[in-house]
Amino acid sequence: MKLSILMPAYNAERTIASALKSLLRQRDAATLEIVVVDDGSTDATVTVVKSLAASAPEIRLLERPHCGISATRNACLAAMSAEADFVSFLDADDLSPSDRFRRDLAKFAARPELQMIYGAARFFEEEDSELLAPAPSSRTLDGRIIQLGAGLYRAGFVRGLGPFDERLAQAEDTEFILRMFERPVAHLIDSEVGVYYRRNHGSVTDDVEQAHRETVRAFLRAANRRRKLGAPPLPKGFLTDTHIAELARWNDERLHRSHTGV
């Protein structure tokens, strides 16, 4: 059984080694293919990936000029092996829980009709570099949000969705995931954590104004398509809102620290 994990990367030298190691420790769950597409990084991202790939043949690195996140995700899709049975995603600043793939692949085996399993995300700020997980001292919060890494998907299902929308500078993942539910699909909304989602400075989503604008555009495009298709409602429990107020406080604190240095 072959599992492709797709990872776009841009100036991720501080976190990408941990992200990759959190995947490599799950070698026993499936035959892994980790596709890293570097989007013209100007830091040591490529050097870090090459160093790990020297002893991990599961990692394939593709380098390209800087084109933005949507085009880079499409380059990941294009590079995915034709033999892949399943596909997941992991951003270069996130972590994959240690037993995640074994757990979810067992659920697929028990329910062959499933096309996707969509889990929760655990937000965190501080990493335990040995456990490759949120540090015991880190503030954490669980919620179900738009997060590609929270899902595991049959490869044929993902290929059938088409490319990411390159007109979007952000929220391309939002548009892509909403597209998954525009037609009836056998799925499981899972309560278990599928990804550790790092809240830190320097990620593309730190541009809050652009993120809000592009998210609105993604939802509007999805709503227009859903109306034309007569699509069913989004699955119950697909998104949760219990974390929104707390995340807003986190963002306010991060902005305060960036402005004051405190």
Protein backbone atom coordinates (compact mmCIF):
# COMPACT_ATOMS: atom_id res chain seq x y z
CA MET A 1 0.00 0.00 0.00
CA LYS A 2 1.51 3.32 -1.09
CA LEU A 3 0.84 6.60 0.71
CA SER A 4 1.91 9.94 -0.76
CA ILE A 5 2.31 12.93 1.55
CA LEU A 6 2.52 16.26 -0.23
CA MET A 7 4.48 19.11 1.37
CA PRO A 8 4.91 22.60 -0.12
CA ALA A 9 7.81 24.49 1.43
CA TYR A 10 8.94 28.10 1.47
CA ASN A 11 11.58 29.46 3.86
CA ALA A 12 10.83 26.70 6.36
CA GLU A 13 14.35 25.91 7.57
CA ARG A 14 13.35 26.19 11.26
CA THR A 15 10.54 23.61 11.14
CA ILE A 16 10.75 21.37 8.08
CA ALA A 17 13.15 18.84 9.62
CA SER A 18 10.66 18.16 12.41
CA ALA A 19 7.79 17.95 9.94
CA LEU A 20 9.62 15.37 7.82
CA LYS A 21 10.80 13.34 10.80
CA SER A 22 7.23 13.18 12.11
CA LEU A 23 6.32 11.47 8.82
CA LEU A 24 9.34 9.20 8.55
CA ARG A 25 8.67 7.68 11.97
CA GLN A 26 5.50 6.21 10.43
CA ARG A 27 7.31 4.12 7.83
CA ASP A 28 5.76 0.96 9.21
CA ALA A 29 2.21 2.11 8.39
CA ALA A 30 2.63 2.05 4.59
CA THR A 31 5.13 2.53 1.79
CA LEU A 32 5.68 6.26 2.09
CA GLU A 33 6.37 8.78 -0.65
CA ILE A 34 7.04 12.25 0.74
CA VAL A 35 6.96 14.85 -2.04
CA VAL A 36 8.52 18.17 -1.01
CA VAL A 37 8.21 21.04 -3.48
CA ASP A 38 10.37 24.02 -2.56
CA ASP A 39 8.88 27.29 -3.78
CA GLY A 40 12.11 29.22 -4.32
CA SER A 41 13.18 29.43 -0.68
CA THR A 42 15.91 31.95 0.12
CA ASP A 43 16.95 30.30 3.38
CA ALA A 44 18.41 26.83 4.08
CA THR A 45 15.18 24.88 3.47
CA VAL A 46 16.58 22.96 0.49
CA THR A 47 19.79 22.11 2.35
CA VAL A 48 17.83 20.73 5.30
CA VAL A 49 15.64 18.59 3.07
CA LYS A 50 18.59 17.25 1.08
CA SER A 51 20.39 16.32 4.29
CA LEU A 52 17.43 14.24 5.48
CA ALA A 53 16.77 12.76 2.03
CA ALA A 54 20.34 11.42 1.89
CA SER A 55 19.32 8.72 4.36
CA ALA A 56 15.57 8.66 3.66
CA PRO A 57 14.72 7.54 0.11
CA GLU A 58 11.04 8.21 0.87
CA ILE A 59 11.72 11.94 0.42
CA ARG A 60 11.62 13.43 -3.07
CA LEU A 61 12.59 17.10 -3.43
CA LEU A 62 11.55 19.29 -6.33
CA GLU A 63 12.83 22.85 -6.62
CA ARG A 64 11.07 25.61 -8.52
CA PRO A 65 11.12 29.41 -8.77
CA HIS A 66 8.87 31.22 -6.31
CA CYS A 67 5.29 31.03 -7.61
CA GLY A 68 3.13 31.06 -4.46
CA ILE A 69 1.34 28.44 -2.40
CA SER A 70 -1.44 27.51 -4.85
CA ALA A 71 0.92 26.77 -7.75
CA THR A 72 3.25 24.93 -5.39
CA ARG A 73 0.44 22.69 -4.16
CA ASN A 74 -0.39 21.90 -7.78
CA ALA A 75 3.25 20.99 -8.39
CA CYS A 76 2.95 18.58 -5.45
CA LEU A 77 -0.16 17.00 -6.99
CA ALA A 78 1.56 16.65 -10.36
CA ALA A 79 4.55 14.95 -8.76
CA MET A 80 2.48 12.39 -6.83
CA SER A 81 3.19 8.82 -7.91
CA ALA A 82 0.63 7.20 -10.19
CA GLU A 83 0.89 4.12 -7.96
CA ALA A 84 -0.26 5.99 -4.84
CA ASP A 85 -3.26 4.42 -3.11
CA PHE A 86 -3.73 7.16 -0.52
CA VAL A 87 -2.66 10.76 -0.16
CA SER A 88 -2.35 13.23 2.67
CA PHE A 89 -0.81 16.65 3.11
CA LEU A 90 1.49 18.21 5.67
CA ASP A 91 2.66 21.80 5.68
CA ALA A 92 6.33 22.35 6.44
CA ASP A 93 5.65 23.94 9.82
CA ASP A 94 3.21 21.29 11.11
CA LEU A 95 3.66 17.83 12.63
CA SER A 96 2.01 14.46 12.03
CA PRO A 97 0.97 12.49 15.16
CA SER A 98 3.04 9.34 15.59
CA ASP A 99 0.30 6.75 15.06
CA ARG A 100 -1.90 8.73 12.73
CA PHE A 101 -1.47 6.81 9.44
CA ARG A 102 -1.66 3.34 10.96
CA ARG A 103 -4.84 4.33 12.79
CA ASP A 104 -6.58 5.88 9.80
CA LEU A 105 -5.53 3.25 7.27
CA ALA A 106 -7.06 0.62 9.55
CA LYS A 107 -10.36 2.52 9.37
CA PHE A 108 -10.18 2.53 5.57
CA ALA A 109 -9.54 -1.22 5.62
CA ALA A 110 -12.62 -1.74 7.78
CA ARG A 111 -14.76 0.44 5.52
CA PRO A 112 -13.69 0.01 1.87
CA GLU A 113 -16.36 2.46 0.65
CA LEU A 114 -14.69 5.42 2.38
CA GLN A 115 -13.02 8.02 0.17
CA MET A 116 -11.78 10.27 2.97
CA ILE A 117 -11.31 10.48 6.72
CA TYR A 118 -11.28 14.00 8.12
CA GLY A 119 -9.99 14.49 11.65
CA ALA A 120 -9.34 17.30 14.08
CA ALA A 121 -6.35 19.63 14.37
CA ARG A 122 -4.43 20.33 17.55
CA PHE A 123 -3.10 23.89 17.64
CA PHE A 124 0.17 24.38 19.48
CA GLU A 125 2.95 26.92 19.94
CA GLU A 126 5.91 25.06 21.46
CA GLU A 127 7.36 21.82 20.09
CA ASP A 128 8.97 18.94 21.96
CA SER A 129 11.80 18.23 19.49
CA GLU A 130 12.31 14.68 20.79
CA LEU A 131 8.66 13.62 20.78
CA LEU A 132 7.88 15.65 17.62
CA ALA A 133 4.68 16.76 19.29
CA PRO A 134 3.39 19.76 21.23
CA ALA A 135 5.58 20.31 24.30
CA PRO A 136 3.93 19.58 27.66
CA SER A 137 4.32 23.28 28.50
CA SER A 138 2.74 24.44 25.23
CA ARG A 139 -0.69 25.95 25.05
CA THR A 140 -2.84 23.64 22.91
CA LEU A 141 -6.35 23.66 21.55
CA ASP A 142 -8.26 21.03 19.56
CA GLY A 143 -10.77 21.94 16.87
CA ARG A 144 -11.98 20.90 13.44
CA ILE A 145 -11.04 23.50 10.84
CA ILE A 146 -10.13 23.73 7.17
CA GLN A 147 -6.80 21.89 7.30
CA LEU A 148 -5.65 19.57 4.53
CA GLY A 149 -3.31 17.76 6.91
CA ALA A 150 -6.23 16.69 9.09
CA GLY A 151 -7.47 14.44 6.30
CA LEU A 152 -6.42 11.18 4.69
CA TYR A 153 -7.84 10.56 1.22
CA ARG A 154 -7.95 7.89 -1.46
CA ALA A 155 -5.60 9.04 -4.21
CA GLY A 156 -8.16 8.56 -6.98
CA PHE A 157 -10.61 10.79 -5.15
CA VAL A 158 -8.06 13.61 -4.86
CA ARG A 159 -7.00 13.29 -8.49
CA GLY A 160 -10.64 13.61 -9.52
CA LEU A 161 -11.00 16.96 -7.78
CA GLY A 162 -8.74 18.77 -10.21
CA PRO A 163 -6.07 21.36 -9.33
CA PHE A 164 -5.92 23.97 -6.61
CA ASP A 165 -7.26 27.37 -7.64
CA GLU A 166 -4.18 29.41 -8.57
CA ARG A 167 -6.21 32.62 -8.60
CA LEU A 168 -6.14 32.48 -4.79
CA ALA A 169 -3.05 33.79 -2.98
CA GLN A 170 -4.28 32.06 0.19
CA ALA A 171 -7.26 29.85 1.15
CA GLU A 172 -6.57 27.55 -1.79
CA ASP A 173 -6.86 24.70 0.72
CA THR A 174 -10.26 26.02 1.85
CA GLU A 175 -11.57 26.03 -1.73
CA PHE A 176 -10.12 22.56 -2.35
CA ILE A 177 -11.64 20.97 0.75
CA LEU A 178 -15.04 22.56 0.18
CA ARG A 179 -14.94 21.09 -3.32
CA MET A 180 -14.61 17.62 -1.76
CA PHE A 181 -18.17 17.86 -0.45
CA GLU A 182 -19.90 19.29 -3.52
CA ARG A 183 -21.05 15.82 -4.51
CA PRO A 184 -22.01 12.90 -2.28
CA VAL A 185 -18.87 11.20 -1.01
CA ALA A 186 -18.39 8.37 1.49
CA HIS A 187 -16.50 9.99 4.33
CA LEU A 188 -15.81 9.78 8.05
CA ILE A 189 -15.69 12.91 10.22
CA ASP A 190 -13.32 11.70 12.91
CA SER A 191 -12.88 13.03 16.45
CA GLU A 192 -9.22 11.98 16.65
CA VAL A 193 -6.39 14.43 15.94
CA GLY A 194 -4.98 14.15 12.43
CA VAL A 195 -2.42 16.96 12.52
CA TYR A 196 -0.53 19.15 14.97
CA TYR A 197 -1.00 22.69 13.62
CA ARG A 198 1.76 25.09 14.62
CA ARG A 199 0.82 28.67 15.48
CA ASN A 200 3.96 30.69 14.84
CA HIS A 201 5.36 33.74 13.16
CA GLY A 202 6.44 33.63 9.54
CA SER A 203 3.77 31.45 7.93
CA VAL A 204 1.79 32.65 4.94
CA THR A 205 -1.37 32.93 7.05
CA ASP A 206 0.27 35.59 9.24
CA ASP A 207 -0.92 38.10 6.61
CA VAL A 208 -4.29 38.35 8.37
CA GLU A 209 -5.89 40.84 6.00
CA GLN A 210 -5.01 38.82 2.90
CA ALA A 211 -6.05 35.57 4.60
CA HIS A 212 -9.48 36.99 5.43
CA ARG A 213 -9.99 38.38 1.93
CA GLU A 214 -8.96 35.17 0.18
CA THR A 215 -11.02 33.00 2.52
CA VAL A 216 -14.11 35.04 1.68
CA ARG A 217 -13.36 34.61 -2.03
CA ALA A 218 -12.94 30.85 -1.59
CA PHE A 219 -16.25 30.48 0.25
CA LEU A 220 -18.08 32.63 -2.31
CA ARG A 221 -16.77 30.56 -5.21
CA ALA A 222 -17.69 27.36 -3.42
CA ALA A 223 -21.17 28.69 -2.60
CA ASN A 224 -21.81 29.60 -6.23
CA ARG A 225 -20.79 26.13 -7.40
CA ARG A 226 -22.83 24.42 -4.69
CA ARG A 227 -25.91 26.38 -5.70
CA LYS A 228 -25.50 25.42 -9.38
CA LEU A 229 -24.87 21.77 -8.53
CA GLY A 230 -27.60 21.52 -5.91
CA ALA A 231 -24.91 20.24 -3.55
CA PRO A 232 -25.84 18.72 -0.17
CA PRO A 233 -25.08 20.65 3.03
CA LEU A 234 -21.62 20.35 4.51
CA PRO A 235 -21.42 17.34 6.84
CA LYS A 236 -22.48 17.86 10.43
CA GLY A 237 -19.44 18.37 12.63
CA PHE A 238 -17.15 19.15 9.67
CA LEU A 239 -16.23 22.49 11.26
CA THR A 240 -16.33 23.49 14.93
CA ASP A 241 -16.44 27.02 16.28
CA THR A 242 -15.51 26.42 19.92
CA HIS A 243 -11.90 27.37 19.24
CA ILE A 244 -12.49 30.66 17.40
CA ALA A 245 -12.51 33.03 20.40
CA GLU A 246 -9.44 31.40 21.91
CA LEU A 247 -7.52 31.57 18.62
CA ALA A 248 -8.43 35.23 18.30
CA ARG A 249 -6.79 35.81 21.68
CA TRP A 250 -3.69 33.94 20.52
CA ASN A 251 -3.48 36.13 17.41
CA ASP A 252 -3.92 39.31 19.46
CA GLU A 253 -1.09 38.23 21.74
CA ARG A 254 1.16 37.41 18.78
CA LEU A 255 0.51 40.81 17.22
CA HIS A 256 1.25 42.48 20.54
CA ARG A 257 4.54 40.61 20.86
CA SER A 258 5.55 41.46 17.29
CA HIS A 259 4.88 45.15 17.88
CA THR A 260 6.39 45.45 21.34
CA GLY A 261 9.03 42.75 21.36
CA VAL A 262 7.65 41.49 24.66
